C-alpha atoms as a PDB file:
ATOM      1  CA  MET A   1       0.135   0.127  -0.005  1.00  0.00           C
ATOM      2  CA  LYS A   2       1.420   3.179  -0.695  1.00  0.00           C
ATOM      3  CA  SER A   3       2.152   5.747   1.818  1.00  0.00           C
ATOM      4  CA  ASN A   4       1.273   9.738   1.277  1.00  0.00           C
ATOM      5  CA  LYS A   5       3.823  11.113   3.869  1.00  0.00           C
ATOM      6  CA  ASN A   6       3.850  13.783   0.996  1.00  0.00           C
ATOM      7  CA  SER A   7       0.511  15.244   1.900  1.00  0.00           C
ATOM      8  CA  PHE A   8       1.924  16.098   5.407  1.00  0.00           C
ATOM      9  CA  THR A   9       2.432  19.820   5.915  1.00  0.00           C
ATOM     10  CA  ALA A  10       4.012  20.769   9.241  1.00  0.00           C
ATOM     11  CA  LEU A  11       2.204  23.898  11.067  1.00  0.00           C
ATOM     12  CA  GLU A  12       3.221  26.251  13.456  1.00  0.00           C
ATOM     13  CA  GLN A  13       2.510  24.715  17.048  1.00  0.00           C
ATOM     14  CA  GLN A  14      -0.502  25.807  18.436  1.00  0.00           C
ATOM     15  CA  ASP A  15      -2.470  24.297  21.634  1.00  0.00           C
ATOM     16  CA  MET A  16      -6.036  22.874  21.188  1.00  0.00           C
ATOM     17  CA  LYS A  17      -9.002  24.329  22.449  1.00  0.00           C
ATOM     18  CA  TYR A  18     -11.488  22.861  24.911  1.00  0.00           C
ATOM     19  CA  HIS A  19     -15.410  22.960  23.945  1.00  0.00           C
ATOM     20  CA  ASP A  20     -17.240  25.770  25.823  1.00  0.00           C
ATOM     21  CA  TYR A  21     -19.745  23.349  27.370  1.00  0.00           C
ATOM     22  CA  LEU A  22     -18.304  20.261  27.779  1.00  0.00           C
ATOM     23  CA  ASP A  23     -15.119  18.475  28.350  1.00  0.00           C
ATOM     24  CA  TYR A  24     -13.721  17.723  24.758  1.00  0.00           C
ATOM     25  CA  TRP A  25     -10.736  19.073  22.988  1.00  0.00           C
ATOM     26  CA  VAL A  26     -11.658  21.155  19.768  1.00  0.00           C
ATOM     27  CA  CYS A  27      -9.909  21.228  16.520  1.00  0.00           C
ATOM     28  CA  GLU A  28      -9.383  24.610  14.653  1.00  0.00           C
ATOM     29  CA  CYS A  29     -12.129  23.735  12.028  1.00  0.00           C
ATOM     30  CA  GLY A  30     -14.469  23.345  15.202  1.00  0.00           C
ATOM     31  CA  ASN A  31     -14.784  19.224  15.170  1.00  0.00           C
ATOM     32  CA  PHE A  32     -14.528  17.813  18.527  1.00  0.00           C
ATOM     33  CA  GLU A  33     -14.779  13.955  19.500  1.00  0.00           C
ATOM     34  CA  LYS A  34     -18.725  13.846  19.545  1.00  0.00           C
ATOM     35  CA  GLU A  35     -19.131  15.047  15.722  1.00  0.00           C
ATOM     36  CA  ASP A  36     -16.263  13.892  13.262  1.00  0.00           C
ATOM     37  CA  GLY A  37     -13.895  12.977  16.022  1.00  0.00           C
ATOM     38  CA  PHE A  38     -10.164  12.274  15.870  1.00  0.00           C
ATOM     39  CA  MET A  39      -8.466   9.038  14.712  1.00  0.00           C
ATOM     40  CA  ALA A  40      -4.857   7.522  16.172  1.00  0.00           C
ATOM     41  CA  CYS A  41      -2.126   8.235  13.622  1.00  0.00           C
ATOM     42  CA  THR A  42       1.947   8.686  13.156  1.00  0.00           C
ATOM     43  CA  GLU A  43       3.633  12.058  13.469  1.00  0.00           C
ATOM     44  CA  THR A  44       2.587  12.241   9.557  1.00  0.00           C
ATOM     45  CA  GLY A  45      -1.031  11.664   9.994  1.00  0.00           C
ATOM     46  CA  ASP A  46      -1.202   8.428   8.895  1.00  0.00           C
ATOM     47  CA  LEU A  47      -3.822   6.157  10.437  1.00  0.00           C
ATOM     48  CA  ILE A  48      -2.542   3.507  12.978  1.00  0.00           C
ATOM     49  CA  SER A  49      -3.891   1.424  15.843  1.00  0.00           C
ATOM     50  CA  PRO A  50      -5.140   3.615  18.794  1.00  0.00           C
ATOM     51  CA  PHE A  51      -3.576   1.550  21.387  1.00  0.00           C
ATOM     52  CA  GLY A  52      -0.118   3.207  22.486  1.00  0.00           C
ATOM     53  CA  ALA A  53      -0.500   6.072  19.927  1.00  0.00           C
ATOM     54  CA  PHE A  54       1.215   9.265  20.568  1.00  0.00           C
ATOM     55  CA  TYR A  55      -0.440  11.543  17.607  1.00  0.00           C
ATOM     56  CA  GLY A  56      -4.185  12.321  16.533  1.00  0.00           C
ATOM     57  CA  ARG A  57      -5.882  13.347  12.959  1.00  0.00           C
ATOM     58  CA  CYS A  58      -8.960  15.438  13.034  1.00  0.00           C
ATOM     59  CA  GLU A  59     -11.417  13.462  10.535  1.00  0.00           C
ATOM     60  CA  ARG A  60     -12.753  16.944   9.170  1.00  0.00           C
ATOM     61  CA  CYS A  61      -9.834  18.872   8.065  1.00  0.00           C
ATOM     62  CA  GLY A  62      -6.915  16.393   8.860  1.00  0.00           C
ATOM     63  CA  ARG A  63      -4.751  18.314  11.294  1.00  0.00           C
ATOM     64  CA  VAL A  64      -2.558  16.477  13.299  1.00  0.00           C
ATOM     65  CA  PHE A  65      -2.075  17.032  16.999  1.00  0.00           C
ATOM     66  CA  HIS A  66       0.365  15.553  19.673  1.00  0.00           C
ATOM     67  CA  ILE A  67      -1.792  13.882  22.234  1.00  0.00           C
ATOM     68  CA  GLY A  68       0.312  14.382  25.359  1.00  0.00           C
ATOM     69  CA  ARG A  69       0.941  17.995  24.603  1.00  0.00           C
ATOM     70  CA  ARG A  70      -2.506  18.971  23.098  1.00  0.00           C
ATOM     71  CA  GLN A  71      -0.661  20.648  20.424  1.00  0.00           C
ATOM     72  CA  ILE A  72      -1.591  20.806  16.583  1.00  0.00           C
ATOM     73  CA  ILE A  73       2.148  20.133  14.382  1.00  0.00           C
ATOM     74  CA  GLY A  74       0.574  19.810  11.157  1.00  0.00           C
ATOM     75  CA  ILE A  75      -2.104  18.589   8.581  1.00  0.00           C
ATOM     76  CA  ASN A  76      -2.532  15.960   6.196  1.00  0.00           C
ATOM     77  CA  PRO A  77      -5.643  15.996   4.317  1.00  0.00           C
ATOM     78  CA  ASN A  78      -5.006  12.846   2.660  1.00  0.00           C
ATOM     79  CA  PRO A  79      -3.623  10.021   5.021  1.00  0.00           C
ATOM     80  CA  ASP A  80      -2.713   6.713   4.411  1.00  0.00           C
ATOM     81  CA  ARG A  81      -5.924   4.725   6.236  1.00  0.00           C
ATOM     82  CA  GLY A  82      -4.368   1.094   6.018  1.00  0.00           C
ATOM     83  CA  ARG A  83      -7.085  -1.215   7.659  1.00  0.00           C
ATOM     84  CA  PHE A  84      -8.644   1.415   9.318  1.00  0.00           C
END
């Protein structure tokens, strides 16, 4: 299966926001867990199993964020979805 690492673009790091009324992270595009949600991914935004993942990807816009730091690091609008 062909990898789409070329579609990852690094962005200036910025903190994830929180929903105004709920305890959910909110992406810059307005997506949060109860809407389109987030998927576990690699540092370049390619989807992986969620067990032990350090990165997440917004399923609406493709922004990639570091889970532990809660910071957006880049965007990958066309990830390698592998088996997921």
